[in-house]
Protein backbone atom coordinates (compact mmCIF):
# COMPACT_ATOMS: atom_id res chain seq x y z
CA MET A 1 -13.36 -7.15 -2.41
CA LYS A 2 -10.30 -9.12 -1.29
CA LYS A 3 -6.95 -8.07 -2.71
CA ILE A 4 -3.75 -10.08 -3.01
CA ILE A 5 -0.96 -7.69 -4.01
CA ALA A 6 2.52 -8.95 -4.84
CA PHE A 7 5.66 -6.81 -5.06
CA SER A 8 8.29 -8.15 -7.42
CA GLY A 9 11.40 -6.97 -9.26
CA LYS A 10 15.18 -7.22 -9.31
CA GLY A 11 16.95 -7.58 -6.00
CA GLY A 12 17.83 -4.23 -4.44
CA VAL A 13 15.27 -2.08 -6.25
CA GLY A 14 13.24 -1.44 -3.09
CA LYS A 15 10.46 -4.06 -3.22
CA THR A 16 10.31 -4.47 0.54
CA THR A 17 10.48 -0.75 1.26
CA SER A 18 7.70 -0.13 -1.26
CA LEU A 19 5.56 -2.88 0.28
CA VAL A 20 5.97 -1.50 3.80
CA LEU A 21 5.12 2.02 2.61
CA PHE A 22 1.99 0.53 1.05
CA LEU A 23 1.25 -1.27 4.32
CA LYS A 24 1.63 2.02 6.19
CA TYR A 25 -0.74 3.66 3.72
CA ILE A 26 -3.39 0.96 4.31
CA ILE A 27 -3.03 1.25 8.09
CA ASP A 28 -3.02 5.06 8.18
CA THR A 29 -6.02 5.41 5.87
CA LYS A 30 -7.86 2.46 7.44
CA LYS A 31 -8.46 0.94 4.01
CA ALA A 32 -8.63 -2.50 5.64
CA GLU A 33 -8.67 -3.98 9.12
CA ASP A 34 -7.58 -7.55 8.36
CA ILE A 35 -4.14 -7.48 6.72
CA LEU A 36 -1.75 -10.35 6.11
CA VAL A 37 1.86 -9.80 5.02
CA ILE A 38 3.66 -12.85 3.58
CA ASP A 39 7.41 -12.42 3.27
CA SER A 40 8.52 -15.09 0.81
CA ASP A 41 12.00 -13.66 0.44
CA PRO A 42 14.54 -16.00 2.13
CA ASP A 43 16.27 -13.01 3.73
CA ALA A 44 13.15 -12.08 5.73
CA ASN A 45 13.49 -8.42 4.73
CA VAL A 46 10.06 -7.28 5.94
CA ALA A 47 11.05 -7.98 9.54
CA ASP A 48 14.24 -5.96 9.07
CA VAL A 49 12.39 -2.96 7.65
CA ILE A 50 9.90 -2.85 10.52
CA GLY A 51 12.55 -3.31 13.18
CA GLU A 52 11.68 -6.88 14.17
CA GLU A 53 14.18 -9.69 14.75
CA ILE A 54 12.88 -13.11 13.68
CA LYS A 55 14.98 -16.24 14.12
CA PHE A 56 15.10 -18.92 11.42
CA CYS A 57 13.50 -21.44 13.78
CA ASP A 58 10.44 -19.19 13.97
CA THR A 59 10.00 -18.98 10.20
CA LEU A 60 8.00 -21.42 8.13
CA GLY A 61 11.21 -22.64 6.49
CA GLY A 62 12.65 -23.42 9.91
CA LYS A 63 9.55 -25.33 10.99
CA MET A 64 9.50 -27.27 7.72
CA LYS A 65 13.14 -28.27 8.11
CA VAL A 66 12.44 -29.72 11.55
CA LEU A 67 9.42 -31.59 10.19
CA LYS A 68 11.32 -32.86 7.16
CA ASP A 69 14.16 -34.14 9.36
CA LYS A 70 11.67 -35.96 11.56
CA ILE A 71 9.95 -37.58 8.58
CA GLN A 72 13.23 -38.64 6.96
CA GLY A 73 14.52 -39.91 10.31
CA PHE A 74 11.34 -42.00 10.79
CA LYS A 75 10.58 -40.11 14.01
CA ILE A 76 6.96 -39.63 12.98
CA SER A 77 4.57 -42.51 12.58
CA PRO A 78 3.66 -43.22 8.92
CA ASN A 79 0.02 -43.07 10.00
CA THR A 80 0.32 -39.53 11.32
CA PRO A 81 -1.57 -37.08 9.03
CA LYS A 82 1.33 -34.87 8.01
CA ASN A 83 -0.88 -32.21 6.47
CA GLN A 84 -2.25 -31.50 9.95
CA LEU A 85 1.28 -31.11 11.30
CA ILE A 86 2.11 -28.64 8.56
CA GLU A 87 -1.10 -26.68 9.11
CA SER A 88 -0.25 -26.42 12.79
CA ASP A 89 3.25 -25.14 11.98
CA VAL A 90 1.85 -22.50 9.61
CA TYR A 91 -0.44 -21.07 12.25
CA ASN A 92 2.31 -21.23 14.87
CA CYS A 93 4.50 -19.13 12.55
CA LEU A 94 1.88 -16.43 12.21
CA ILE A 95 3.19 -13.35 14.00
CA GLU A 96 0.39 -11.14 15.27
CA MET A 97 1.40 -7.49 15.14
CA ASP A 98 -0.81 -4.68 16.42
CA GLU A 99 -2.39 -3.89 13.04
CA PHE A 100 -1.50 -6.80 10.78
CA ASP A 101 -0.29 -10.39 10.79
CA LEU A 102 3.09 -11.43 9.39
CA LEU A 103 4.13 -14.79 7.97
CA GLU A 104 7.88 -15.16 7.35
CA MET A 105 8.59 -17.96 4.90
CA GLY A 106 12.33 -18.09 5.58
CA ARG A 107 14.86 -20.19 3.69
CA GLN A 108 14.00 -23.43 1.95
CA GLU A 109 14.15 -26.58 4.02
CA GLY A 110 17.44 -27.86 2.59
CA GLU A 111 18.72 -29.64 -0.48
CA GLY A 112 16.46 -31.67 -2.71
CA CYS A 113 12.80 -31.49 -3.53
CA TYR A 114 10.02 -31.91 -0.99
CA CYS A 115 6.95 -31.61 -3.14
CA PHE A 116 4.48 -32.93 -0.58
CA VAL A 117 5.30 -30.12 1.85
CA ASN A 118 5.12 -27.50 -0.91
CA ASP A 119 1.75 -28.80 -2.05
CA VAL A 120 0.26 -28.76 1.44
CA LEU A 121 1.78 -25.34 2.13
CA LYS A 122 0.02 -23.96 -0.94
CA LYS A 123 -3.33 -25.20 0.31
CA VAL A 124 -2.77 -23.92 3.84
CA ILE A 125 -1.61 -20.47 2.69
CA ASP A 126 -4.55 -20.32 0.28
CA SER A 127 -6.90 -21.03 3.17
CA LEU A 128 -5.13 -18.60 5.49
CA SER A 129 -5.20 -15.63 3.11
CA LYS A 130 -8.94 -16.01 2.59
CA ASN A 131 -9.37 -14.72 6.15
CA TYR A 132 -7.89 -11.33 5.26
CA GLU A 133 -9.17 -8.35 3.30
CA ILE A 134 -5.71 -7.61 1.93
CA THR A 135 -2.72 -9.90 1.55
CA LEU A 136 0.63 -8.33 0.67
CA LEU A 137 3.30 -10.61 -0.74
CA ASP A 138 6.98 -9.66 -0.74
CA SER A 139 8.46 -11.74 -3.54
CA PRO A 140 12.01 -12.87 -4.24
CA ALA A 141 13.53 -11.58 -7.49
CA GLY A 142 11.70 -13.18 -10.41
CA LEU A 143 8.48 -15.18 -10.36
CA GLU A 144 9.65 -18.68 -9.44
CA HIS A 145 7.29 -18.81 -6.46
CA PHE A 146 4.32 -18.12 -8.74
CA ALA A 147 5.44 -20.98 -11.00
CA ARG A 148 5.40 -23.27 -7.96
CA LYS A 149 1.87 -22.07 -7.18
CA THR A 150 2.65 -21.58 -3.49
CA GLY A 151 0.08 -18.82 -3.03
CA ARG A 152 -3.39 -17.72 -4.02
CA ASP A 153 -4.05 -16.02 -7.31
CA VAL A 154 -2.61 -12.53 -7.14
CA THR A 155 -4.97 -9.71 -8.11
CA ASP A 156 -2.32 -6.99 -8.49
CA LEU A 157 1.31 -7.49 -9.48
CA VAL A 158 3.50 -4.48 -8.69
CA ILE A 159 6.84 -4.62 -10.51
CA VAL A 160 9.32 -2.31 -8.81
CA THR A 161 12.31 -0.97 -10.73
CA ASP A 162 15.05 1.49 -9.93
CA PRO A 163 16.69 3.78 -12.52
CA SER A 164 19.01 1.12 -13.92
CA LYS A 165 19.21 -0.95 -17.09
CA MET A 166 19.16 -4.13 -14.96
CA GLY A 167 16.01 -3.09 -13.12
CA ILE A 168 14.14 -2.35 -16.34
CA HIS A 169 15.42 -5.57 -17.94
CA THR A 170 14.09 -7.57 -14.98
CA MET A 171 10.74 -5.79 -15.33
CA LYS A 172 10.52 -6.97 -18.94
CA ARG A 173 11.61 -10.50 -18.03
CA ILE A 174 8.96 -10.74 -15.34
CA LEU A 175 6.31 -9.84 -17.90
CA GLU A 176 7.70 -12.50 -20.26
CA ILE A 177 7.52 -15.11 -17.50
CA THR A 178 3.90 -14.28 -16.76
CA ASP A 179 3.12 -14.89 -20.44
CA GLU A 180 5.13 -18.12 -20.60
CA LEU A 181 3.43 -19.51 -17.50
CA LYS A 182 0.03 -18.14 -18.50
CA LEU A 183 -0.29 -16.42 -15.14
CA GLN A 184 -3.37 -14.26 -14.84
CA PHE A 185 -3.42 -11.02 -12.86
CA GLU A 186 -6.16 -8.42 -12.82
CA ASN A 187 -3.66 -5.57 -12.87
CA PHE A 188 0.01 -5.12 -13.74
CA TRP A 189 1.65 -2.04 -12.25
CA VAL A 190 5.15 -0.60 -12.64
CA LEU A 191 6.54 1.42 -9.75
CA GLY A 192 9.63 3.56 -10.31
CA ASN A 193 11.62 3.77 -7.08
CA ARG A 194 14.36 6.34 -6.40
CA PHE A 195 13.95 7.93 -9.85
CA PRO A 196 15.28 11.47 -10.29
CA ASP A 197 12.96 13.75 -12.26
CA ASP A 198 15.15 13.80 -15.37
CA LEU A 199 14.98 9.98 -15.74
CA LYS A 200 11.27 9.40 -15.25
CA GLU A 201 10.63 9.85 -18.96
CA VAL A 202 12.97 6.93 -19.71
CA LEU A 203 10.77 4.49 -17.77
CA GLU A 204 7.61 5.95 -19.29
CA ARG A 205 9.01 5.33 -22.80
CA GLU A 206 10.01 1.75 -21.96
CA ILE A 207 6.50 1.00 -20.72
CA ASP A 208 4.96 2.54 -23.85
CA LYS A 209 7.19 0.35 -26.04
CA LEU A 210 5.79 -2.78 -24.43
CA ASP A 211 2.32 -1.84 -25.72
CA ARG A 212 0.37 -3.87 -23.15
CA ASP A 213 -3.17 -2.77 -22.34
CA ASN A 214 -3.05 -4.36 -18.87
CA LEU A 215 0.25 -2.69 -17.87
CA LYS A 216 0.06 0.66 -16.11
CA LEU A 217 2.62 3.02 -14.65
CA LEU A 218 1.76 3.26 -10.98
CA GLY A 219 4.03 6.23 -10.38
CA PHE A 220 7.35 7.25 -8.86
CA ILE A 221 8.74 7.39 -5.34
CA SER A 222 11.78 9.66 -5.00
CA ASN A 223 14.93 8.88 -3.03
CA ASN A 224 14.59 9.94 0.59
CA ASP A 225 17.22 10.41 3.31
CA GLU A 226 14.81 9.73 6.18
CA ILE A 227 13.79 6.36 4.69
CA SER A 228 17.44 5.46 4.05
CA LYS A 229 18.37 6.34 7.63
CA LEU A 230 15.53 4.24 9.08
CA ASN A 231 16.59 1.26 6.95
CA LEU A 232 20.25 1.65 7.90
CA MET A 233 19.66 2.16 11.63
CA ASP A 234 17.23 -0.76 12.09
CA GLY A 235 14.30 1.60 12.53
CA ASN A 236 10.65 0.86 11.89
CA LEU A 237 9.53 2.22 8.53
CA LEU A 238 5.93 2.13 9.73
CA GLU A 239 6.92 4.93 12.13
CA LEU A 240 8.00 7.17 9.26
CA SER A 241 6.68 10.71 9.63
CA PRO A 242 3.31 11.08 7.88
CA ASN A 243 4.63 14.36 6.45
CA ASN A 244 7.59 12.69 4.77
CA THR A 245 7.67 13.84 1.14
CA SER A 246 8.28 10.37 -0.33
CA TYR A 247 5.48 8.92 1.77
CA GLN A 248 3.16 11.66 0.55
CA GLU A 249 4.08 10.67 -3.02
CA ALA A 250 3.49 7.01 -2.18
CA LYS A 251 0.04 7.68 -0.72
CA LYS A 252 -1.13 9.38 -3.90
CA ILE A 253 0.01 6.62 -6.21
CA PHE A 254 -1.07 3.75 -3.96
CA ALA A 255 -4.61 5.15 -4.05
CA LYS A 256 -4.74 3.87 -7.65
CA ILE A 257 -4.65 0.29 -6.35
CA ILE A 258 -7.05 0.59 -3.43
């Protein structure tokens, strides 16, 4: 069964770190061989966390800006099938790592709306993700990208929160947005990141108050000095020691998803 798993939540709660820990879990346990990671955050945080440097010109946003400028400057014939140009750019942006492929969306292509590009991008990304057993999506804060329908239907939405009022408020707002937009996910998960033991009960109570049958507490990942050091020193989180205590916690809770 193919899985499309999105990580969302307030900025700074650890969405990207949680996603990469999940990616490490999939790789280490060989849960899937064909893995696609789509980083839709404009800051390209996935590359940072795995120690890769990716220039804006190599992101999809960079390619789309060049294409948009050419179209607006009449440097491309009106008869040229632009969807083919966009498809080519998408595949050229695909970064083939040793054990997974990475697509960095990058920043938007400038001011104004460019609906044609967004529409074609949706179709191309839909087609691309069908070639993978698991697609992991690192989302910007909120669910605006889901509203734009720029990706396939997500099977599992993981809402990450830290032990803060703002993080929990964003969790609730994300759930409200999914209802307002009538977005359908097979599973809603809440992941508590960097929670001390004496505050875990607070998140558990907040989830119980929501009284949603399709919302489950995934679990908790504790704060960890080794992970913080890797993030600060431009290390590769995929090279985290398999005996790391937070990674051991992550493996147990991620097994609930796959």
